[in-house]
Amino acid sequence: MIIPYRLIAAGAAVVVLIGLGWKANDWRNDAARLRLELRAAENRLEIHRAAIKAARDASKDYQDEIEKLRNRPVPRSPVRLCVNPAVPASDTAGSPESPSDGVLPEQAGGNTEAGPDIGPELRALAREADEVSAALRALQAIKPEGEQPPP
């Protein structure tokens, strides 16, 4: 039995059409998947842009605050500690009846000599504390609401 060429050609055409339909379905599914990935990537990009803007704003605020801290007037008056008066050892030291609030009893004729000026060290310490606080406020301002971008 001989199969007519037209039947063979029609069968081949059906197979080709089925293959093309299958491939077109794959392309359609890939396009849908790529659209979803594109939307997710655009969302991540917006999150990153918001994080960058927050970081830039926080950095500007930090620089402004540091500039204000460095330009504010600082008192230059001396800060001196008094040399502790000599206090004799007492039998009541450490007993429950003795005052434990850290106040030493006044003693007539104690040493009232002024100690060294610690003002510059105190002001430097205060300046450093202010700068650390400003840096902390700036870092806290960077954290945007929602998802954090990866480092």
Protein backbone atom coordinates (compact mmCIF):
# COMPACT_ATOMS: atom_id res chain seq x y z
CA MET A 1 0.00 0.00 0.00
CA ILE A 2 1.33 3.35 -1.04
CA ILE A 3 0.61 6.40 1.12
CA PRO A 4 -0.22 9.43 -0.98
CA TYR A 5 2.24 12.30 -0.77
CA ARG A 6 -0.50 14.72 0.11
CA LEU A 7 -1.31 12.76 3.27
CA ILE A 8 2.38 12.71 4.25
CA ALA A 9 2.65 16.45 3.64
CA ALA A 10 -0.51 17.11 5.66
CA GLY A 11 0.79 14.98 8.55
CA ALA A 12 4.12 16.79 8.48
CA ALA A 13 2.32 20.14 8.46
CA VAL A 14 0.24 19.11 11.50
CA VAL A 15 3.40 18.04 13.36
CA VAL A 16 5.10 21.34 12.49
CA LEU A 17 2.04 23.32 13.62
CA ILE A 18 1.90 21.40 16.90
CA GLY A 19 5.62 22.07 17.45
CA LEU A 20 5.19 25.77 16.68
CA GLY A 21 2.21 25.96 19.03
CA TRP A 22 4.21 24.28 21.76
CA LYS A 23 7.12 26.69 21.26
CA ALA A 24 4.77 29.71 21.20
CA ASN A 25 3.27 28.54 24.51
CA ASP A 26 6.79 28.32 25.97
CA TRP A 27 7.52 31.85 24.77
CA ARG A 28 4.27 33.12 26.31
CA ASN A 29 5.06 31.44 29.66
CA ASP A 30 8.62 32.84 29.59
CA ALA A 31 7.27 36.33 28.86
CA ALA A 32 4.86 36.12 31.81
CA ARG A 33 7.65 34.92 34.12
CA LEU A 34 9.97 37.67 32.88
CA ARG A 35 7.26 40.31 33.46
CA LEU A 36 6.96 39.15 37.08
CA GLU A 37 10.74 39.20 37.52
CA LEU A 38 10.87 42.68 35.97
CA ARG A 39 8.24 43.97 38.42
CA ALA A 40 10.14 42.46 41.34
CA ALA A 41 13.40 43.99 40.10
CA GLU A 42 11.71 47.40 39.70
CA ASN A 43 10.38 47.14 43.28
CA ARG A 44 13.85 46.29 44.59
CA LEU A 45 15.27 49.22 42.61
CA GLU A 46 12.76 51.61 44.21
CA ILE A 47 13.66 50.25 47.65
CA HIS A 48 17.35 50.79 46.91
CA ARG A 49 16.67 54.30 45.63
CA ALA A 50 14.72 55.11 48.79
CA ALA A 51 17.55 53.72 50.93
CA ILE A 52 20.13 55.78 49.02
CA LYS A 53 18.01 58.91 49.42
CA ALA A 54 17.58 58.22 53.15
CA ALA A 55 21.34 57.69 53.51
CA ARG A 56 22.12 60.92 51.64
CA ASP A 57 19.61 62.88 53.72
CA ALA A 58 20.98 61.39 56.93
CA SER A 59 24.54 62.16 55.85
CA LYS A 60 23.62 65.77 55.09
CA ASP A 61 21.84 66.11 58.43
CA TYR A 62 24.86 64.58 60.16
CA GLN A 63 27.28 66.96 58.44
CA ASP A 64 25.06 69.94 59.33
CA GLU A 65 24.83 68.85 62.95
CA ILE A 66 28.59 68.29 63.21
CA GLU A 67 29.18 71.73 61.70
CA LYS A 68 26.83 73.30 64.29
CA LEU A 69 28.56 71.41 67.11
CA ARG A 70 31.99 72.57 66.01
CA ASN A 71 30.91 76.20 65.54
CA ARG A 72 29.02 76.68 68.80
CA PRO A 73 30.64 78.83 71.46
CA VAL A 74 32.47 76.88 74.13
CA PRO A 75 33.02 78.36 77.59
CA ARG A 76 36.68 78.65 78.44
CA SER A 77 36.35 79.03 82.21
CA PRO A 78 38.56 76.69 84.21
CA VAL A 79 37.15 73.63 85.90
CA ARG A 80 39.12 72.67 88.96
CA LEU A 81 38.77 69.86 91.46
CA CYS A 82 39.46 70.52 95.09
CA VAL A 83 42.08 68.36 96.67
CA ASN A 84 40.32 66.05 99.13
CA PRO A 85 40.70 67.03 102.77
CA ALA A 86 42.56 64.63 104.96
CA VAL A 87 40.02 62.48 106.82
CA PRO A 88 41.24 60.28 109.66
CA ALA A 89 40.29 56.61 109.63
CA SER A 90 37.20 55.97 111.71
CA ASP A 91 36.01 52.95 113.62
CA THR A 92 32.50 53.55 112.27
CA ALA A 93 33.56 53.28 108.61
CA GLY A 94 31.55 50.53 106.99
CA SER A 95 29.23 50.07 109.93
CA PRO A 96 25.47 50.15 109.28
CA GLU A 97 25.10 53.29 111.40
CA SER A 98 27.65 55.28 109.40
CA PRO A 99 26.42 57.43 106.54
CA SER A 100 26.92 55.64 103.24
CA ASP A 101 25.88 58.44 100.90
CA GLY A 102 29.47 59.31 100.02
CA VAL A 103 29.49 62.56 101.98
CA LEU A 104 32.58 63.02 104.09
CA PRO A 105 32.23 64.85 107.38
CA GLU A 106 33.65 68.35 107.29
CA GLN A 107 36.88 68.73 109.09
CA ALA A 108 38.21 72.00 110.39
CA GLY A 109 41.43 73.01 108.73
CA GLY A 110 41.07 70.61 105.77
CA ASN A 111 43.05 71.06 102.57
CA THR A 112 41.21 73.58 100.36
CA GLU A 113 43.89 73.81 97.70
CA ALA A 114 42.54 73.84 94.13
CA GLY A 115 43.54 70.98 91.89
CA PRO A 116 44.55 71.08 88.21
CA ASP A 117 42.28 72.53 85.51
CA ILE A 118 40.39 69.64 83.87
CA GLY A 119 38.15 71.90 81.74
CA PRO A 120 39.83 71.21 78.37
CA GLU A 121 39.61 67.44 78.89
CA LEU A 122 35.96 67.68 79.93
CA ARG A 123 35.11 69.84 76.90
CA ALA A 124 36.94 67.44 74.55
CA LEU A 125 35.06 64.52 76.07
CA ALA A 126 31.74 66.36 75.73
CA ARG A 127 32.53 67.21 72.08
CA GLU A 128 33.31 63.57 71.32
CA ALA A 129 30.09 62.46 73.03
CA ASP A 130 28.08 64.98 70.99
CA GLU A 131 29.68 63.75 67.76
CA VAL A 132 28.98 60.11 68.61
CA SER A 133 25.37 61.00 69.41
CA ALA A 134 25.06 62.84 66.08
CA ALA A 135 26.48 59.83 64.24
CA LEU A 136 24.02 57.52 65.99
CA ARG A 137 21.07 59.76 65.09
CA ALA A 138 22.24 59.79 61.46
CA LEU A 139 22.55 56.00 61.37
CA GLN A 140 19.10 55.59 62.90
CA ALA A 141 17.64 57.91 60.26
CA ILE A 142 19.01 55.75 57.42
CA LYS A 143 16.77 52.76 58.16
CA PRO A 144 13.79 53.14 55.79
CA GLU A 145 10.41 51.62 56.48
CA GLY A 146 9.93 48.21 54.89
CA GLU A 147 12.54 45.94 53.38
CA GLN A 148 16.21 46.62 53.96
CA PRO A 149 18.36 46.26 50.84
CA PRO A 150 21.20 43.79 51.05
CA PRO A 151 24.65 45.25 51.72
